[in-house]
C-alpha atoms as a PDB file:
ATOM      1  CA  MET A   1     -13.585 -90.398 -12.507  1.00  0.00           C
ATOM      2  CA  SER A   2     -16.567 -89.836 -14.650  1.00  0.00           C
ATOM      3  CA  VAL A   3     -16.938 -86.919 -17.055  1.00  0.00           C
ATOM      4  CA  ARG A   4     -19.621 -85.448 -14.820  1.00  0.00           C
ATOM      5  CA  ALA A   5     -17.249 -85.505 -11.800  1.00  0.00           C
ATOM      6  CA  TRP A   6     -14.533 -83.767 -13.812  1.00  0.00           C
ATOM      7  CA  LEU A   7     -16.964 -81.028 -14.795  1.00  0.00           C
ATOM      8  CA  ILE A   8     -18.132 -80.441 -11.213  1.00  0.00           C
ATOM      9  CA  THR A   9     -14.535 -80.283  -9.922  1.00  0.00           C
ATOM     10  CA  GLY A  10     -13.470 -77.827 -12.664  1.00  0.00           C
ATOM     11  CA  LEU A  11     -16.442 -75.585 -12.006  1.00  0.00           C
ATOM     12  CA  ALA A  12     -15.652 -75.494  -8.273  1.00  0.00           C
ATOM     13  CA  LEU A  13     -12.012 -74.567  -8.896  1.00  0.00           C
ATOM     14  CA  ALA A  14     -13.027 -71.811 -11.313  1.00  0.00           C
ATOM     15  CA  THR A  15     -15.433 -70.388  -8.762  1.00  0.00           C
ATOM     16  CA  LEU A  16     -12.746 -70.347  -6.057  1.00  0.00           C
ATOM     17  CA  GLY A  17     -10.275 -68.665  -8.415  1.00  0.00           C
ATOM     18  CA  CYS A  18     -12.706 -65.877  -9.232  1.00  0.00           C
ATOM     19  CA  GLY A  19     -13.190 -65.233  -5.539  1.00  0.00           C
ATOM     20  CA  ASP A  20      -9.446 -64.968  -4.837  1.00  0.00           C
ATOM     21  CA  ASP A  21      -8.592 -62.621  -7.724  1.00  0.00           C
ATOM     22  CA  PRO A  22      -9.557 -58.960  -6.937  1.00  0.00           C
ATOM     23  CA  PRO A  23     -11.234 -57.023  -9.757  1.00  0.00           C
ATOM     24  CA  LYS A  24      -8.605 -55.140 -11.735  1.00  0.00           C
ATOM     25  CA  SER A  25     -10.840 -52.460 -13.258  1.00  0.00           C
ATOM     26  CA  ARG A  26     -11.886 -50.761  -9.984  1.00  0.00           C
ATOM     27  CA  PRO A  27      -8.399 -49.736  -8.718  1.00  0.00           C
ATOM     28  CA  LYS A  28      -7.614 -48.230 -12.116  1.00  0.00           C
ATOM     29  CA  ALA A  29     -10.813 -46.186 -12.033  1.00  0.00           C
ATOM     30  CA  ALA A  30     -10.032 -45.012  -8.487  1.00  0.00           C
ATOM     31  CA  GLU A  31      -6.467 -44.087  -9.460  1.00  0.00           C
ATOM     32  CA  LYS A  32      -7.683 -42.130 -12.468  1.00  0.00           C
ATOM     33  CA  GLY A  33     -10.221 -40.304 -10.293  1.00  0.00           C
ATOM     34  CA  ALA A  34      -7.577 -39.400  -7.722  1.00  0.00           C
ATOM     35  CA  GLU A  35      -5.184 -38.236 -10.442  1.00  0.00           C
ATOM     36  CA  LYS A  36      -7.930 -36.079 -11.971  1.00  0.00           C
ATOM     37  CA  LYS A  37      -8.742 -34.461  -8.628  1.00  0.00           C
ATOM     38  CA  ALA A  38      -5.042 -33.795  -7.954  1.00  0.00           C
ATOM     39  CA  ALA A  39      -4.625 -32.214 -11.386  1.00  0.00           C
ATOM     40  CA  GLU A  40      -7.702 -30.040 -10.871  1.00  0.00           C
ATOM     41  CA  LYS A  41      -6.436 -28.957  -7.444  1.00  0.00           C
ATOM     42  CA  LYS A  42      -3.017 -28.077  -8.872  1.00  0.00           C
ATOM     43  CA  ALA A  43      -4.565 -26.120 -11.746  1.00  0.00           C
ATOM     44  CA  GLY A  44      -6.782 -24.239  -9.317  1.00  0.00           C
ATOM     45  CA  ALA A  45      -3.830 -23.382  -7.083  1.00  0.00           C
ATOM     46  CA  GLU A  46      -1.826 -22.139 -10.071  1.00  0.00           C
ATOM     47  CA  ALA A  47      -4.747 -20.018 -11.223  1.00  0.00           C
ATOM     48  CA  ASP A  48      -5.152 -18.533  -7.747  1.00  0.00           C
ATOM     49  CA  GLY A  49      -1.437 -17.796  -7.629  1.00  0.00           C
ATOM     50  CA  LYS A  50      -1.503 -16.040 -10.987  1.00  0.00           C
ATOM     51  CA  ALA A  51      -4.537 -14.023  -9.939  1.00  0.00           C
ATOM     52  CA  ALA A  52      -2.821 -12.976  -6.727  1.00  0.00           C
ATOM     53  CA  GLU A  53       0.312 -11.919  -8.607  1.00  0.00           C
ATOM     54  CA  GLY A  54      -1.811  -9.937 -11.025  1.00  0.00           C
ATOM     55  CA  ALA A  55      -3.486  -8.127  -8.155  1.00  0.00           C
ATOM     56  CA  LYS A  56      -0.123  -7.271  -6.609  1.00  0.00           C
ATOM     57  CA  GLY A  57       1.281  -5.857  -9.822  1.00  0.00           C
ATOM     58  CA  ALA A  58       4.433  -6.416 -11.796  1.00  0.00           C
ATOM     59  CA  ASP A  59       6.725  -5.722  -8.830  1.00  0.00           C
ATOM     60  CA  GLY A  60       4.775  -7.919  -6.400  1.00  0.00           C
ATOM     61  CA  LYS A  61       3.671  -4.963  -4.263  1.00  0.00           C
ATOM     62  CA  GLY A  62       0.535  -2.894  -4.567  1.00  0.00           C
ATOM     63  CA  ALA A  63      -1.704  -2.602  -7.584  1.00  0.00           C
ATOM     64  CA  ALA A  64      -0.307  -2.585 -11.110  1.00  0.00           C
ATOM     65  CA  PRO A  65       0.372   0.940 -12.415  1.00  0.00           C
ATOM     66  CA  PRO A  66      -2.692   2.521 -14.047  1.00  0.00           C
ATOM     67  CA  ALA A  67      -2.723   3.789 -17.622  1.00  0.00           C
ATOM     68  CA  TYR A  68      -1.088   7.217 -17.555  1.00  0.00           C
ATOM     69  CA  THR A  69       1.255   9.290 -19.711  1.00  0.00           C
ATOM     70  CA  TRP A  70       4.001  11.437 -18.210  1.00  0.00           C
ATOM     71  CA  THR A  71       3.491  15.175 -18.676  1.00  0.00           C
ATOM     72  CA  GLU A  72       4.987  18.459 -17.490  1.00  0.00           C
ATOM     73  CA  THR A  73       1.491  19.864 -16.945  1.00  0.00           C
ATOM     74  CA  PRO A  74      -0.657  17.387 -14.991  1.00  0.00           C
ATOM     75  CA  THR A  75      -4.387  18.121 -14.632  1.00  0.00           C
ATOM     76  CA  PHE A  76      -7.150  16.873 -12.369  1.00  0.00           C
ATOM     77  CA  GLU A  77      -9.001  15.632 -15.443  1.00  0.00           C
ATOM     78  CA  GLY A  78      -6.002  13.498 -16.356  1.00  0.00           C
ATOM     79  CA  ILE A  79      -5.927  11.562 -13.066  1.00  0.00           C
ATOM     80  CA  PRO A  80      -6.849   7.914 -13.794  1.00  0.00           C
ATOM     81  CA  ALA A  81      -9.820   6.465 -11.888  1.00  0.00           C
ATOM     82  CA  ALA A  82      -7.734   3.529 -10.623  1.00  0.00           C
ATOM     83  CA  PRO A  83      -5.725   2.726  -7.475  1.00  0.00           C
ATOM     84  CA  VAL A  84      -2.621   4.884  -7.258  1.00  0.00           C
ATOM     85  CA  GLY A  85       0.595   3.469  -8.663  1.00  0.00           C
ATOM     86  CA  GLY A  86       3.406   4.584 -10.897  1.00  0.00           C
ATOM     87  CA  MET A  87       6.577   4.060 -12.876  1.00  0.00           C
ATOM     88  CA  VAL A  88       9.987   5.116 -11.594  1.00  0.00           C
ATOM     89  CA  ASN A  89      13.019   4.831 -13.873  1.00  0.00           C
ATOM     90  CA  GLY A  90      11.116   2.455 -16.129  1.00  0.00           C
ATOM     91  CA  ALA A  91      10.077   0.084 -13.327  1.00  0.00           C
ATOM     92  CA  PRO A  92       6.646  -0.250 -11.656  1.00  0.00           C
ATOM     93  CA  PHE A  93       6.170   1.558  -8.350  1.00  0.00           C
ATOM     94  CA  GLY A  94       3.461  -0.137  -6.290  1.00  0.00           C
ATOM     95  CA  VAL A  95       1.796   1.965  -3.595  1.00  0.00           C
ATOM     96  CA  VAL A  96       0.819  -0.075  -0.531  1.00  0.00           C
ATOM     97  CA  THR A  97       0.466   2.606   2.170  1.00  0.00           C
ATOM     98  CA  VAL A  98      -0.506   6.289   2.079  1.00  0.00           C
ATOM     99  CA  LEU A  99       0.377   8.389   5.153  1.00  0.00           C
ATOM    100  CA  ILE A 100      -0.680  11.971   5.898  1.00  0.00           C
ATOM    101  CA  GLU A 101       0.650  14.040   8.801  1.00  0.00           C
ATOM    102  CA  PRO A 102       1.695  17.586   9.738  1.00  0.00           C
ATOM    103  CA  GLY A 103       5.156  18.616   8.582  1.00  0.00           C
ATOM    104  CA  LEU A 104       7.438  21.431   9.736  1.00  0.00           C
ATOM    105  CA  LYS A 105       5.173  23.855   7.884  1.00  0.00           C
ATOM    106  CA  GLY A 106       1.889  22.708   6.461  1.00  0.00           C
ATOM    107  CA  TRP A 107       1.037  19.052   5.907  1.00  0.00           C
ATOM    108  CA  LYS A 108       2.759  16.277   3.994  1.00  0.00           C
ATOM    109  CA  ILE A 109       1.600  13.109   2.268  1.00  0.00           C
ATOM    110  CA  ALA A 110       3.749  10.043   1.573  1.00  0.00           C
ATOM    111  CA  PHE A 111       3.145   7.080  -0.735  1.00  0.00           C
ATOM    112  CA  HIS A 112       5.018   3.956   0.431  1.00  0.00           C
ATOM    113  CA  ASP A 113       5.644   0.642  -1.295  1.00  0.00           C
ATOM    114  CA  GLN A 114       5.454  -1.289   1.992  1.00  0.00           C
ATOM    115  CA  ALA A 115       2.729  -1.936   4.541  1.00  0.00           C
ATOM    116  CA  LEU A 116       2.132  -0.076   7.801  1.00  0.00           C
ATOM    117  CA  LYS A 117       1.665  -2.400  10.784  1.00  0.00           C
ATOM    118  CA  ARG A 118       0.008   0.145  13.086  1.00  0.00           C
ATOM    119  CA  PRO A 119      -1.237   3.732  12.577  1.00  0.00           C
ATOM    120  CA  THR A 120       1.604   5.401  14.519  1.00  0.00           C
ATOM    121  CA  GLY A 121       4.287   2.895  13.547  1.00  0.00           C
ATOM    122  CA  LEU A 122       7.309   3.375  11.305  1.00  0.00           C
ATOM    123  CA  ILE A 123       7.929   1.871   7.884  1.00  0.00           C
ATOM    124  CA  VAL A 124      11.607   0.996   7.700  1.00  0.00           C
ATOM    125  CA  GLY A 125      13.395   0.471   4.395  1.00  0.00           C
ATOM    126  CA  SER A 126      10.540   1.419   2.076  1.00  0.00           C
ATOM    127  CA  HIS A 127      10.669   3.401  -1.142  1.00  0.00           C
ATOM    128  CA  HIS A 128       8.313   6.366  -0.925  1.00  0.00           C
ATOM    129  CA  LEU A 129       7.251   9.592  -2.595  1.00  0.00           C
ATOM    130  CA  ASP A 130       6.786  12.548  -0.207  1.00  0.00           C
ATOM    131  CA  LEU A 131       4.891  15.722  -1.114  1.00  0.00           C
ATOM    132  CA  HIS A 132       5.043  18.820   1.087  1.00  0.00           C
ATOM    133  CA  LEU A 133       1.721  20.646   0.936  1.00  0.00           C
ATOM    134  CA  GLN A 134       1.373  24.382   1.414  1.00  0.00           C
ATOM    135  CA  GLY A 135      -1.531  25.894   3.309  1.00  0.00           C
ATOM    136  CA  ASP A 136      -3.754  25.150   6.271  1.00  0.00           C
ATOM    137  CA  THR A 137      -5.154  21.819   7.437  1.00  0.00           C
ATOM    138  CA  PRO A 138      -6.781  20.014   4.493  1.00  0.00           C
ATOM    139  CA  ALA A 139     -10.499  19.333   4.254  1.00  0.00           C
ATOM    140  CA  ALA A 140     -12.797  17.483   1.868  1.00  0.00           C
ATOM    141  CA  GLY A 141     -12.491  19.338  -1.431  1.00  0.00           C
ATOM    142  CA  SER A 142      -9.028  20.808  -0.758  1.00  0.00           C
ATOM    143  CA  LYS A 143      -6.965  20.998  -3.952  1.00  0.00           C
ATOM    144  CA  TYR A 144      -3.226  21.499  -4.434  1.00  0.00           C
ATOM    145  CA  GLU A 145      -1.426  22.310  -7.670  1.00  0.00           C
ATOM    146  CA  LYS A 146       2.304  22.672  -8.285  1.00  0.00           C
ATOM    147  CA  LYS A 147       3.820  23.651 -11.604  1.00  0.00           C
ATOM    148  CA  MET A 148       7.015  22.032 -12.823  1.00  0.00           C
ATOM    149  CA  SER A 149       9.741  23.334 -10.497  1.00  0.00           C
ATOM    150  CA  PHE A 150      12.391  22.053  -8.118  1.00  0.00           C
ATOM    151  CA  GLY A 151      11.538  21.088  -4.537  1.00  0.00           C
ATOM    152  CA  GLY A 152       8.270  20.507  -2.760  1.00  0.00           C
ATOM    153  CA  GLY A 153       9.210  16.983  -1.698  1.00  0.00           C
ATOM    154  CA  TYR A 154      11.420  14.071  -2.704  1.00  0.00           C
ATOM    155  CA  TRP A 155      11.237  10.505  -3.983  1.00  0.00           C
ATOM    156  CA  GLN A 156      13.105   7.738  -2.166  1.00  0.00           C
ATOM    157  CA  VAL A 157      13.809   5.403  -5.079  1.00  0.00           C
ATOM    158  CA  PRO A 158      15.960   2.383  -5.914  1.00  0.00           C
ATOM    159  CA  LYS A 159      19.436   3.607  -6.784  1.00  0.00           C
ATOM    160  CA  PRO A 160      19.995   3.371 -10.561  1.00  0.00           C
ATOM    161  CA  GLY A 161      22.395   0.561 -11.433  1.00  0.00           C
ATOM    162  CA  ASP A 162      22.481  -0.814  -7.878  1.00  0.00           C
ATOM    163  CA  THR A 163      21.357  -4.441  -7.838  1.00  0.00           C
ATOM    164  CA  GLY A 164      21.938  -4.766  -4.102  1.00  0.00           C
ATOM    165  CA  GLY A 165      18.740  -3.006  -3.112  1.00  0.00           C
ATOM    166  CA  GLY A 166      20.285   0.385  -2.421  1.00  0.00           C
ATOM    167  CA  ALA A 167      18.111   3.508  -2.393  1.00  0.00           C
ATOM    168  CA  THR A 168      18.658   7.212  -2.895  1.00  0.00           C
ATOM    169  CA  SER A 169      16.663  10.405  -2.275  1.00  0.00           C
ATOM    170  CA  TRP A 170      15.764  11.812  -5.674  1.00  0.00           C
ATOM    171  CA  ASN A 171      15.299  15.576  -5.606  1.00  0.00           C
ATOM    172  CA  ALA A 172      14.279  16.931  -8.987  1.00  0.00           C
ATOM    173  CA  SER A 173      11.876  19.239 -10.785  1.00  0.00           C
ATOM    174  CA  ASN A 174       8.344  17.976 -10.402  1.00  0.00           C
ATOM    175  CA  ALA A 175       4.725  18.967 -10.953  1.00  0.00           C
ATOM    176  CA  TYR A 176       1.605  17.594  -9.339  1.00  0.00           C
ATOM    177  CA  VAL A 177      -2.121  17.963  -8.709  1.00  0.00           C
ATOM    178  CA  LEU A 178      -3.746  16.591  -5.564  1.00  0.00           C
ATOM    179  CA  GLU A 179      -7.312  16.631  -4.260  1.00  0.00           C
ATOM    180  CA  PHE A 180      -8.756  15.330  -1.002  1.00  0.00           C
ATOM    181  CA  THR A 181     -12.224  13.934  -1.590  1.00  0.00           C
ATOM    182  CA  GLN A 182     -12.747  12.812   2.012  1.00  0.00           C
ATOM    183  CA  TRP A 183     -11.233  14.107   5.268  1.00  0.00           C
ATOM    184  CA  ASP A 184     -12.413  12.478   8.501  1.00  0.00           C
ATOM    185  CA  VAL A 185      -9.805  13.645  10.996  1.00  0.00           C
ATOM    186  CA  LYS A 186      -9.996  14.725  14.630  1.00  0.00           C
ATOM    187  CA  PRO A 187      -7.832  17.568  16.002  1.00  0.00           C
ATOM    188  CA  TYR A 188      -4.632  16.920  17.913  1.00  0.00           C
ATOM    189  CA  ASP A 189      -5.302  16.356  21.617  1.00  0.00           C
ATOM    190  CA  THR A 190      -2.808  18.419  23.624  1.00  0.00           C
ATOM    191  CA  GLU A 191      -3.687  16.311  26.660  1.00  0.00           C
ATOM    192  CA  GLY A 192      -3.157  13.011  24.864  1.00  0.00           C
ATOM    193  CA  PRO A 193      -0.044  10.995  23.983  1.00  0.00           C
ATOM    194  CA  VAL A 194       2.654  12.497  21.780  1.00  0.00           C
ATOM    195  CA  PHE A 195       1.906  10.116  18.881  1.00  0.00           C
ATOM    196  CA  GLN A 196      -1.781  10.059  17.944  1.00  0.00           C
ATOM    197  CA  GLU A 197      -4.004   8.508  15.293  1.00  0.00           C
ATOM    198  CA  GLY A 198      -5.980  11.273  13.613  1.00  0.00           C
ATOM    199  CA  GLY A 199      -8.354   9.514  11.217  1.00  0.00           C
ATOM    200  CA  THR A 200      -8.564   8.766   7.506  1.00  0.00           C
ATOM    201  CA  ALA A 201      -8.601  10.600   4.199  1.00  0.00           C
ATOM    202  CA  SER A 202      -9.238   9.746   0.557  1.00  0.00           C
ATOM    203  CA  GLY A 203      -8.304  11.522  -2.643  1.00  0.00           C
ATOM    204  CA  ARG A 204      -6.629  11.474  -6.038  1.00  0.00           C
ATOM    205  CA  VAL A 205      -3.239  12.570  -7.284  1.00  0.00           C
ATOM    206  CA  ALA A 206      -0.910  12.835 -10.289  1.00  0.00           C
ATOM    207  CA  VAL A 207       2.808  13.518  -9.782  1.00  0.00           C
ATOM    208  CA  ASN A 208       5.386  13.878 -12.562  1.00  0.00           C
ATOM    209  CA  TYR A 209       9.143  13.895 -11.924  1.00  0.00           C
ATOM    210  CA  LYS A 210      11.482  15.200 -14.598  1.00  0.00           C
ATOM    211  CA  GLY A 211      14.367  12.877 -15.369  1.00  0.00           C
ATOM    212  CA  SER A 212      18.022  13.797 -15.844  1.00  0.00           C
ATOM    213  CA  GLY A 213      21.300  11.902 -15.868  1.00  0.00           C
ATOM    214  CA  ASP A 214      20.669   8.335 -14.718  1.00  0.00           C
ATOM    215  CA  PHE A 215      17.028   9.097 -13.917  1.00  0.00           C
ATOM    216  CA  GLN A 216      14.182   8.746 -16.407  1.00  0.00           C
ATOM    217  CA  ASN A 217      10.937  10.712 -16.457  1.00  0.00           C
ATOM    218  CA  SER A 218       8.832   9.102 -13.729  1.00  0.00           C
ATOM    219  CA  TRP A 219       5.280   9.432 -12.460  1.00  0.00           C
ATOM    220  CA  MET A 220       2.706   8.327  -9.934  1.00  0.00           C
ATOM    221  CA  ALA A 221      -1.052   8.736 -10.405  1.00  0.00           C
ATOM    222  CA  GLY A 222      -4.438   7.426  -9.318  1.00  0.00           C
ATOM    223  CA  THR A 223      -6.816   7.379  -6.375  1.00  0.00           C
ATOM    224  CA  PHE A 224      -6.385   6.395  -2.719  1.00  0.00           C
ATOM    225  CA  GLU A 225      -8.938   5.549  -0.033  1.00  0.00           C
ATOM    226  CA  ASN A 226      -8.879   5.592   3.777  1.00  0.00           C
ATOM    227  CA  ALA A 227      -5.282   6.735   4.021  1.00  0.00           C
ATOM    228  CA  THR A 228      -3.946   6.976   7.577  1.00  0.00           C
ATOM    229  CA  VAL A 229      -3.820  10.497   9.006  1.00  0.00           C
ATOM    230  CA  ARG A 230      -1.700  10.799  12.143  1.00  0.00           C
ATOM    231  CA  TYR A 231       0.257  13.099  14.433  1.00  0.00           C
ATOM    232  CA  MET A 232       3.835  11.964  14.994  1.00  0.00           C
ATOM    233  CA  GLY A 233       4.559  14.478  17.720  1.00  0.00           C
ATOM    234  CA  LYS A 234       3.237  17.942  18.447  1.00  0.00           C
ATOM    235  CA  PRO A 235       2.007  19.622  15.239  1.00  0.00           C
ATOM    236  CA  TYR A 236       3.707  22.826  14.158  1.00  0.00           C
ATOM    237  CA  TRP A 237       0.774  24.986  15.223  1.00  0.00           C
ATOM    238  CA  VAL A 238       0.925  23.603  18.775  1.00  0.00           C
ATOM    239  CA  LYS A 239       4.657  24.303  18.930  1.00  0.00           C
ATOM    240  CA  GLN A 240       4.087  27.816  17.622  1.00  0.00           C
ATOM    241  CA  ALA A 241       1.460  28.443  20.296  1.00  0.00           C
ATOM    242  CA  GLU A 242       3.778  27.169  23.021  1.00  0.00           C
ATOM    243  CA  LYS A 243       6.606  29.315  21.700  1.00  0.00           C
ATOM    244  CA  ALA A 244       4.398  32.401  21.724  1.00  0.00           C
ATOM    245  CA  ALA A 245       3.131  31.734  25.262  1.00  0.00           C
ATOM    246  CA  PRO A 246       6.240  33.112  27.101  1.00  0.00           C
ATOM    247  CA  ALA A 247       5.556  36.532  25.541  1.00  0.00           C
ATOM    248  CA  ASP A 248       2.547  36.814  27.833  1.00  0.00           C
ATOM    249  CA  ALA A 249       4.437  35.560  30.879  1.00  0.00           C
ATOM    250  CA  GLY A 250       5.443  39.083  31.952  1.00  0.00           C
ATOM    251  CA  ALA A 251       1.904  40.433  31.878  1.00  0.00           C
ATOM    252  CA  ALA A 252       0.398  41.430  35.200  1.00  0.00           C
ATOM    253  CA  LYS A 253      -1.644  38.698  36.847  1.00  0.00           C
ATOM    254  CA  PRO A 254      -4.509  39.052  39.291  1.00  0.00           C
ATOM    255  CA  ALA A 255      -3.450  38.891  42.934  1.00  0.00           C
ATOM    256  CA  ASP A 256      -5.475  35.742  43.432  1.00  0.00           C
ATOM    257  CA  ALA A 257      -4.135  33.983  40.348  1.00  0.00           C
ATOM    258  CA  LYS A 258      -2.942  30.405  40.913  1.00  0.00           C
ATOM    259  CA  PRO A 259       0.247  28.903  39.443  1.00  0.00           C
ATOM    260  CA  ALA A 260      -0.292  27.185  36.112  1.00  0.00           C
ATOM    261  CA  ASP A 261       0.543  23.818  37.615  1.00  0.00           C
ATOM    262  CA  ALA A 262      -1.679  24.252  40.638  1.00  0.00           C
ATOM    263  CA  PRO A 263      -4.331  21.565  41.112  1.00  0.00           C
ATOM    264  CA  LYS A 264      -7.775  22.575  39.926  1.00  0.00           C
END
C-alpha cells in the first residue's frame, strides 16, 4: 500500500473515532450547573427556614418578646410598640391568640400561646394569661389600671422544674395597664345561639407578675390587633335581667294579656 493510501485510511479512522467518542466537557458543565442550582435552592430553603423561626420567636410560637423591663409600676407610656409577648420564669412567652369575653362580673381578656381554630371554639392545653377587668362593657379608649396586688386574674404557666410539659395556675401579686384602641363589637343577641361571635378589638397592654419561691419576676407587654371578642353563653347582664324578671311576675296584668309564650 502506498503512503498516500495509508494516510487516507488513517484519516478515515480518526474521523470515525471522533464521531463515536462523546464530548467530555459538556456533561461536566451540566453537572456543575445542576450542582450550583441545587446548592442555591438548599441555601434559599435554609434562609427561609431561619426567617420563619425568627418570626415565630425563640419558643417557636408567636412573635419574639419585645424589649421591656419588669417593673412594679407599669405605665401606658412604657408599653412597647411591638406585638405582644413576654417572659415567664426566664423563658419566652409567645402570644398567638387574644380572646375577650364577658366573665362572671365584668369582662376578661386572655392571651394564649396557641391558635384558635374558630371564633367560638376552645383552646385545649394552652398556656395563657387571664385578666379580669372591672367595669362596664369596654369601648374604644377604655383604660384599665391595676396596682401591684394579689388577684385580678391568673397565669397558666409551665410548671417550674417539670420537663414533661406540665402546667400550673400561677396566682400572684401583679400590676397591669390595658387600653382598648379599637372596639368593633355587636351586642349579645338574646334570640340567637348560646355561643356567639361578637366582633374584634385592638389595644395595648403591660402586665407584671411578682415572683416568689420557684417563680421569677415575669411580664407580658405589647400591642394586639383584631382580637376575637365572643360570648360563650349568656352574659352576666342577661342572666341578671332574667333573674330579676320573676320579681315582676306577681304584678297585676291586664285582663286581655296573653301568656308570654303565646304566638304573636
